[in-house]
Amino acid sequence: MTPGMATNDGIGVQRAPRRLRDRRRSSRIYYAGGQPPSFLAKWTSRLAVFVAIAAVVTAVLHRLHLLPTSVAMTIAITVIAGAMLALVMATIAGLDIWFTGRQGAARVLCGSVVALGLLAIPAGTWALSLRWPQIDDVSTDLVEPPDFTEAKDERAPDANSVEYPGERFATIQRAGYPDLKSLVLPRSADDAYELVLQALAKLKYKTTLELPPENDESSPGFIELSDHSLILGLVDDVVIRVLAEDQSARVDVRSASRYGQADFGRNAERVRAILKEVAARFEASAPNVASPQVAKKDDKVTLKPAKVRGPVSKANRRRPDLSRSDIRRGLGRKESPQGSYAGRVPGRPPERFDE
């Protein structure tokens, strides 16, 4: 019989030639346990490890203030895209290993774990941010928030605007942070200004602008500073306004993030800490005087609500003029009736103000 011809098994069924059967069998998926890892299996782990190293290096450089925030955010987006690509490659390579038995399962597992870990960071951050109001700018005065001066030059064009967002943020803050109110002290504006400086020194804040108040009520005092988050070093700007009102002084604090749409409650917590420390400095300076406007209850500071004002009062106030040479920190600061507190010995309670 000629090779390759069909044969009859005696019952009327013809068998296909052996070569034809082998040709059909070779087109199917076969077991390849001895074959090296596929291209996707090799590069899954390589890509995942690379983007993980890039993420760590970017975070460290940004925390050390060696990398601008805008560049760090661009790299972060690239890292997330790389982690997603590595996860897709790991899925395809895993299916190939499942059906063919190729080598490279360890590479696929390593790439999958690293990629999932990187993607879990932004996902967890987003889920955690939902616990706080979705705002990045808070102020104790929602009618006339203090304006930033130094932050206008410090913020990059792609950063958040220094202008207060308006009524939308005010509505969210009233619902989420109803305790943030102006602090009214029965002191002159000069004395209240010095108390604020003492509080900032106690909290270890370094000011970037100090503009003392003037004699008339239309010229409030301003203090500005910048603070950084602990882990990533994200910058927040803070401005404090001290305004004379009748026989008292009103302290307003505004804190805003330079980047991002959610601050995880960081700005509100900073405002509370500053107001609480100012109230503590006031009570330490006058321990025998009970103020009806500042009281402590359950270790929380209760603040007197600010007076309702209209937009006309803001026009009568003099804004900071940075062209003057005497408004910078350490230059032309007004002395309080008892003298400046710049040389106060650490640990010694502040001297009591005279009524």
Protein backbone atom coordinates (compact mmCIF):
# COMPACT_ATOMS: atom_id res chain seq x y z
CA MET A 1 0.00 0.00 0.00
CA THR A 2 1.30 3.41 -0.87
CA PRO A 3 2.16 5.54 2.21
CA GLY A 4 -0.24 8.38 2.81
CA MET A 5 -3.24 6.60 1.27
CA ALA A 6 -6.41 6.14 3.25
CA THR A 7 -6.98 2.69 4.73
CA ASN A 8 -10.17 0.77 5.47
CA ASP A 9 -10.57 -0.80 8.92
CA GLY A 10 -13.00 -3.42 7.62
CA ILE A 11 -16.22 -1.80 8.77
CA GLY A 12 -16.45 0.93 6.18
CA VAL A 13 -14.58 3.66 8.11
CA GLN A 14 -11.55 5.15 6.48
CA ARG A 15 -8.70 6.39 8.60
CA ALA A 16 -6.84 9.61 7.72
CA PRO A 17 -3.21 9.23 6.75
CA ARG A 18 -0.68 9.49 9.58
CA ARG A 19 1.02 12.56 8.14
CA LEU A 20 -2.31 14.39 7.87
CA ARG A 21 -3.15 13.58 11.48
CA ASP A 22 0.25 14.84 12.65
CA ARG A 23 -0.17 18.07 10.69
CA ARG A 24 -3.54 18.78 12.30
CA ARG A 25 -2.23 17.93 15.74
CA SER A 26 0.71 20.34 15.39
CA SER A 27 -1.66 23.30 14.95
CA ARG A 28 -3.19 22.80 18.43
CA ILE A 29 -1.89 24.08 21.79
CA TYR A 30 0.72 21.68 23.05
CA TYR A 31 2.48 21.32 26.41
CA ALA A 32 5.66 23.45 26.51
CA GLY A 33 6.96 22.90 30.00
CA GLY A 34 10.57 22.97 28.87
CA GLN A 35 10.23 26.21 26.92
CA PRO A 36 11.67 29.51 28.29
CA PRO A 37 9.33 32.25 29.63
CA SER A 38 7.42 34.27 27.07
CA PHE A 39 8.14 37.90 26.22
CA LEU A 40 5.24 39.15 28.34
CA ALA A 41 6.26 37.03 31.32
CA LYS A 42 9.78 38.48 31.26
CA TRP A 43 8.76 42.13 30.91
CA THR A 44 5.86 41.99 33.37
CA SER A 45 8.17 41.81 36.38
CA ARG A 46 10.70 44.20 34.83
CA LEU A 47 8.11 46.89 34.15
CA ALA A 48 6.49 46.54 37.56
CA VAL A 49 9.79 46.79 39.44
CA PHE A 50 10.87 49.77 37.32
CA VAL A 51 7.72 51.82 38.03
CA ALA A 52 7.93 50.91 41.73
CA ILE A 53 11.49 52.24 41.93
CA ALA A 54 10.44 55.37 40.04
CA ALA A 55 7.61 55.95 42.52
CA VAL A 56 9.90 55.64 45.55
CA VAL A 57 12.59 57.89 44.09
CA THR A 58 10.00 60.52 43.10
CA ALA A 59 8.46 60.55 46.57
CA VAL A 60 11.86 60.92 48.27
CA LEU A 61 13.03 63.71 45.95
CA HIS A 62 9.76 65.60 46.37
CA ARG A 63 9.89 65.27 50.15
CA LEU A 64 13.42 66.71 50.11
CA HIS A 65 12.15 69.61 47.94
CA LEU A 66 14.44 68.59 45.08
CA LEU A 67 11.60 67.94 42.64
CA PRO A 68 8.78 70.35 41.75
CA THR A 69 5.27 69.18 42.58
CA SER A 70 4.09 69.49 38.99
CA VAL A 71 6.89 67.19 37.77
CA ALA A 72 6.23 64.75 40.61
CA MET A 73 2.53 64.59 39.70
CA THR A 74 3.39 63.87 36.04
CA ILE A 75 5.70 61.04 37.10
CA ALA A 76 3.00 59.70 39.43
CA ILE A 77 0.52 59.52 36.56
CA THR A 78 3.13 57.70 34.46
CA VAL A 79 3.75 55.25 37.30
CA ILE A 80 0.03 54.46 37.57
CA ALA A 81 -0.20 53.90 33.80
CA GLY A 82 2.86 51.63 33.93
CA ALA A 83 1.40 49.61 36.79
CA MET A 84 -1.85 49.11 34.86
CA LEU A 85 0.09 48.00 31.77
CA ALA A 86 2.13 45.56 33.86
CA LEU A 87 -1.06 44.09 35.30
CA VAL A 88 -2.52 43.55 31.81
CA MET A 89 0.70 41.91 30.65
CA ALA A 90 0.68 39.69 33.73
CA THR A 91 -2.87 38.56 32.96
CA ILE A 92 -2.04 37.60 29.38
CA ALA A 93 1.19 35.87 30.38
CA GLY A 94 -0.61 33.99 33.16
CA LEU A 95 -3.17 32.62 30.73
CA ASP A 96 -0.37 31.49 28.42
CA ILE A 97 1.37 29.69 31.28
CA TRP A 98 -1.91 28.08 32.36
CA PHE A 99 -2.61 26.53 28.95
CA THR A 100 0.91 25.71 27.75
CA GLY A 101 2.81 25.13 30.97
CA ARG A 102 5.60 27.58 30.03
CA GLN A 103 8.07 28.79 32.61
CA GLY A 104 7.82 32.28 34.14
CA ALA A 105 5.10 31.88 36.76
CA ALA A 106 7.32 33.52 39.39
CA ARG A 107 7.90 36.53 37.15
CA VAL A 108 4.17 36.91 36.52
CA LEU A 109 3.39 36.60 40.23
CA CYS A 110 6.03 39.19 41.16
CA GLY A 111 4.81 41.65 38.54
CA SER A 112 1.18 41.20 39.57
CA VAL A 113 1.88 41.78 43.26
CA VAL A 114 3.98 44.90 42.65
CA ALA A 115 1.48 46.36 40.16
CA LEU A 116 -1.47 45.74 42.47
CA GLY A 117 0.43 47.33 45.36
CA LEU A 118 1.11 50.46 43.32
CA LEU A 119 -2.50 50.72 42.14
CA ALA A 120 -3.77 50.22 45.69
CA ILE A 121 -2.10 53.48 46.80
CA PRO A 122 -4.17 55.90 44.66
CA ALA A 123 -7.29 53.78 45.09
CA GLY A 124 -6.94 53.78 48.88
CA THR A 125 -6.11 57.49 48.90
CA TRP A 126 -9.24 58.30 46.94
CA ALA A 127 -11.42 56.15 49.21
CA LEU A 128 -9.86 57.73 52.30
CA SER A 129 -10.44 61.26 50.99
CA LEU A 130 -14.20 60.65 50.94
CA ARG A 131 -14.24 60.84 54.74
CA TRP A 132 -13.57 64.61 54.64
CA PRO A 133 -15.24 67.48 52.78
CA GLN A 134 -13.93 67.80 49.23
CA ILE A 135 -12.36 71.25 49.63
CA ASP A 136 -8.76 72.46 49.71
CA ASP A 137 -9.29 75.97 51.13
CA VAL A 138 -10.77 76.75 54.57
CA SER A 139 -11.16 80.04 56.40
CA THR A 140 -12.64 81.25 59.66
CA ASP A 141 -14.16 84.21 57.80
CA LEU A 142 -16.30 82.99 54.90
CA VAL A 143 -17.66 86.44 54.06
CA GLU A 144 -14.32 88.23 53.66
CA PRO A 145 -11.54 85.58 53.74
CA PRO A 146 -8.01 86.96 54.28
CA ASP A 147 -6.13 87.39 51.02
CA PHE A 148 -2.74 85.83 50.30
CA THR A 149 0.19 88.06 49.40
CA GLU A 150 3.38 85.98 49.42
CA ALA A 151 1.61 82.90 48.05
CA LYS A 152 0.83 84.74 44.83
CA ASP A 153 4.52 84.67 43.92
CA GLU A 154 5.21 81.23 45.37
CA ARG A 155 2.50 79.29 43.54
CA ALA A 156 3.21 77.89 40.09
CA PRO A 157 0.85 78.59 37.17
CA ASP A 158 -0.54 75.04 37.34
CA ALA A 159 -1.19 75.24 41.10
CA ASN A 160 -4.49 76.10 42.74
CA SER A 161 -5.55 79.73 42.57
CA VAL A 162 -4.96 81.96 45.58
CA GLU A 163 -8.44 83.44 45.15
CA TYR A 164 -11.06 82.01 47.46
CA PRO A 165 -13.35 79.66 45.45
CA GLY A 166 -16.50 81.36 46.71
CA GLU A 167 -19.86 80.31 48.09
CA ARG A 168 -19.55 76.69 46.97
CA PHE A 169 -16.60 76.07 49.31
CA ALA A 170 -18.26 78.17 52.03
CA THR A 171 -21.36 75.97 51.94
CA ILE A 172 -19.32 72.78 52.15
CA GLN A 173 -17.24 74.17 55.02
CA ARG A 174 -20.29 75.22 57.03
CA ALA A 175 -21.61 71.67 56.78
CA GLY A 176 -18.29 69.87 57.33
CA TYR A 177 -16.44 72.21 59.71
CA PRO A 178 -19.06 74.23 61.62
CA ASP A 179 -16.59 74.86 64.48
CA LEU A 180 -14.23 77.06 62.43
CA LYS A 181 -15.09 80.58 63.59
CA SER A 182 -13.21 83.82 64.12
CA LEU A 183 -11.42 84.22 67.45
CA VAL A 184 -12.28 87.45 69.29
CA LEU A 185 -9.90 88.57 72.06
CA PRO A 186 -10.51 91.46 74.48
CA ARG A 187 -7.15 92.97 73.56
CA SER A 188 -5.84 95.64 71.28
CA ALA A 189 -4.82 94.65 67.77
CA ASP A 190 -1.11 95.04 68.66
CA ASP A 191 -1.41 92.74 71.68
CA ALA A 192 -3.40 90.15 69.73
CA TYR A 193 -0.81 90.29 66.95
CA GLU A 194 1.97 89.49 69.43
CA LEU A 195 -0.08 86.64 70.87
CA VAL A 196 -0.40 85.16 67.38
CA LEU A 197 3.38 85.37 66.89
CA GLN A 198 3.91 83.60 70.22
CA ALA A 199 1.50 80.85 69.18
CA LEU A 200 3.23 80.34 65.83
CA ALA A 201 6.61 80.16 67.55
CA LYS A 202 5.21 77.56 69.95
CA LEU A 203 3.93 75.51 66.99
CA LYS A 204 7.35 75.93 65.28
CA TYR A 205 5.99 77.70 62.22
CA LYS A 206 8.34 79.95 60.26
CA THR A 207 6.63 83.03 58.90
CA THR A 208 7.29 84.44 55.43
CA LEU A 209 5.50 87.76 55.96
CA GLU A 210 4.79 89.82 59.08
CA LEU A 211 2.78 93.03 58.66
CA PRO A 212 1.81 94.54 62.04
CA PRO A 213 -1.54 96.31 62.38
CA GLU A 214 -1.69 100.09 62.33
CA ASN A 215 -3.51 102.40 64.69
CA ASP A 216 -6.70 102.75 62.69
CA GLU A 217 -9.18 99.90 62.27
CA SER A 218 -8.86 99.93 58.49
CA SER A 219 -5.29 98.55 58.59
CA PRO A 220 -5.26 95.01 60.01
CA GLY A 221 -2.13 92.99 60.64
CA PHE A 222 -1.18 90.07 58.43
CA ILE A 223 1.04 87.03 58.93
CA GLU A 224 1.78 84.46 56.25
CA LEU A 225 3.57 81.12 56.39
CA SER A 226 3.90 77.82 54.54
CA ASP A 227 3.59 74.32 55.96
CA HIS A 228 4.47 70.91 54.50
CA SER A 229 2.78 67.55 54.91
CA LEU A 230 4.75 64.94 56.81
CA ILE A 231 5.08 62.16 54.21
CA LEU A 232 4.98 63.69 50.72
CA GLY A 233 5.94 67.25 51.60
CA LEU A 234 2.92 68.87 49.93
CA VAL A 235 2.83 72.62 50.59
CA ASP A 236 -0.07 74.48 52.20
CA ASP A 237 -0.22 78.27 52.54
CA VAL A 238 -1.56 80.00 55.66
CA VAL A 239 -2.53 83.64 56.17
CA ILE A 240 -3.60 85.14 59.51
CA ARG A 241 -5.39 88.48 59.82
CA VAL A 242 -5.61 90.49 63.06
CA LEU A 243 -8.26 93.22 62.91
CA ALA A 244 -9.17 95.75 65.59
CA GLU A 245 -12.87 95.89 66.47
CA ASP A 246 -14.05 98.39 69.12
CA GLN A 247 -12.22 97.38 72.31
CA SER A 248 -11.22 93.92 71.04
CA ALA A 249 -9.33 92.23 68.23
CA ARG A 250 -10.53 89.56 65.84
CA VAL A 251 -8.18 86.84 64.55
CA ASP A 252 -9.02 85.09 61.27
CA VAL A 253 -7.03 82.19 59.82
CA ARG A 254 -7.13 80.84 56.28
CA SER A 255 -5.28 77.71 55.11
CA ALA A 256 -5.21 76.48 51.49
CA SER A 257 -3.43 73.68 49.63
CA ARG A 258 -1.33 74.48 46.58
CA TYR A 259 -2.19 71.24 44.77
CA GLY A 260 -5.08 68.81 44.89
CA GLN A 261 -8.83 69.06 45.29
CA ALA A 262 -9.03 67.34 48.69
CA ASP A 263 -6.87 68.01 51.75
CA PHE A 264 -7.96 65.10 54.01
CA GLY A 265 -8.97 67.64 56.65
CA ARG A 266 -5.39 68.87 57.00
CA ASN A 267 -6.17 72.57 56.55
CA ALA A 268 -9.04 72.54 59.05
CA GLU A 269 -6.88 70.75 61.61
CA ARG A 270 -4.13 73.35 61.15
CA VAL A 271 -6.58 76.23 61.64
CA ARG A 272 -7.89 74.62 64.82
CA ALA A 273 -4.35 74.14 66.16
CA ILE A 274 -3.43 77.79 65.55
CA LEU A 275 -6.60 79.17 67.13
CA LYS A 276 -6.29 76.85 70.10
CA GLU A 277 -2.69 77.90 70.70
CA VAL A 278 -3.58 81.60 70.41
CA ALA A 279 -6.35 81.10 72.97
CA ALA A 280 -3.88 79.29 75.23
CA ARG A 281 -1.39 82.17 74.94
CA PHE A 282 -4.14 84.61 75.85
CA GLU A 283 -5.18 82.63 78.93
CA ALA A 284 -1.54 82.33 79.99
CA SER A 285 -1.09 86.10 79.72
CA ALA A 286 -4.24 86.82 81.78
CA PRO A 287 -4.92 83.78 84.05
CA ASN A 288 -7.16 85.71 86.47
CA VAL A 289 -9.35 87.33 83.85
CA ALA A 290 -12.35 85.29 82.73
CA SER A 291 -13.20 86.12 79.15
CA PRO A 292 -16.80 85.55 78.05
CA GLN A 293 -15.64 85.19 74.45
CA VAL A 294 -13.03 82.42 74.84
CA ALA A 295 -13.84 79.33 76.89
CA LYS A 296 -12.55 75.78 77.16
CA LYS A 297 -14.84 72.80 77.35
CA ASP A 298 -13.82 69.16 77.05
CA ASP A 299 -10.33 70.23 75.90
CA LYS A 300 -11.81 72.03 72.89
CA VAL A 301 -11.79 75.75 72.25
CA THR A 302 -15.21 77.37 71.84
CA LEU A 303 -14.96 80.50 69.76
CA LYS A 304 -17.32 83.42 69.55
CA PRO A 305 -18.99 83.69 66.13
CA ALA A 306 -17.84 86.59 64.02
CA LYS A 307 -20.05 89.56 63.36
CA VAL A 308 -21.96 89.61 60.10
CA ARG A 309 -20.39 92.10 57.72
CA GLY A 310 -21.13 93.26 54.24
CA PRO A 311 -18.89 93.56 51.21
CA VAL A 312 -18.55 97.33 51.76
CA SER A 313 -16.32 96.92 54.83
CA LYS A 314 -13.67 95.11 52.83
CA ALA A 315 -13.23 98.05 50.49
CA ASN A 316 -12.38 100.32 53.44
CA ARG A 317 -9.48 98.15 54.57
CA ARG A 318 -5.97 98.79 53.40
CA ARG A 319 -4.42 95.80 51.68
CA PRO A 320 -0.77 94.84 52.28
CA ASP A 321 1.60 96.88 50.12
CA LEU A 322 4.78 94.88 49.55
CA SER A 323 6.53 97.88 48.05
CA ARG A 324 7.04 99.17 51.57
CA SER A 325 10.36 98.16 53.09
CA ASP A 326 9.14 97.98 56.69
CA ILE A 327 6.60 95.18 56.40
CA ARG A 328 8.99 92.27 55.95
CA ARG A 329 9.67 89.92 58.80
CA GLY A 330 11.77 91.49 61.52
CA LEU A 331 11.56 95.02 60.05
CA GLY A 332 9.38 97.74 61.50
CA ARG A 333 7.41 95.42 63.82
CA LYS A 334 5.40 97.32 66.36
CA GLU A 335 6.19 96.79 70.00
CA SER A 336 3.45 95.76 72.38
CA PRO A 337 2.86 97.81 75.53
CA GLN A 338 5.09 95.40 77.43
CA GLY A 339 7.71 95.05 74.69
CA SER A 340 8.42 92.45 72.05
CA TYR A 341 8.31 88.75 72.80
CA ALA A 342 11.09 87.93 70.35
CA GLY A 343 13.64 87.62 73.14
CA ARG A 344 11.43 85.73 75.60
CA VAL A 345 13.20 82.87 77.33
CA PRO A 346 11.82 79.48 76.16
CA GLY A 347 9.73 77.73 78.76
CA ARG A 348 8.94 80.94 80.73
CA PRO A 349 5.22 81.91 80.61
CA PRO A 350 4.48 85.21 78.83
CA GLU A 351 4.06 88.33 80.89
CA ARG A 352 0.60 89.44 81.71
CA PHE A 353 -0.87 92.30 79.67
CA ASP A 354 -2.25 95.29 81.48
CA GLU A 355 -5.92 95.87 80.91
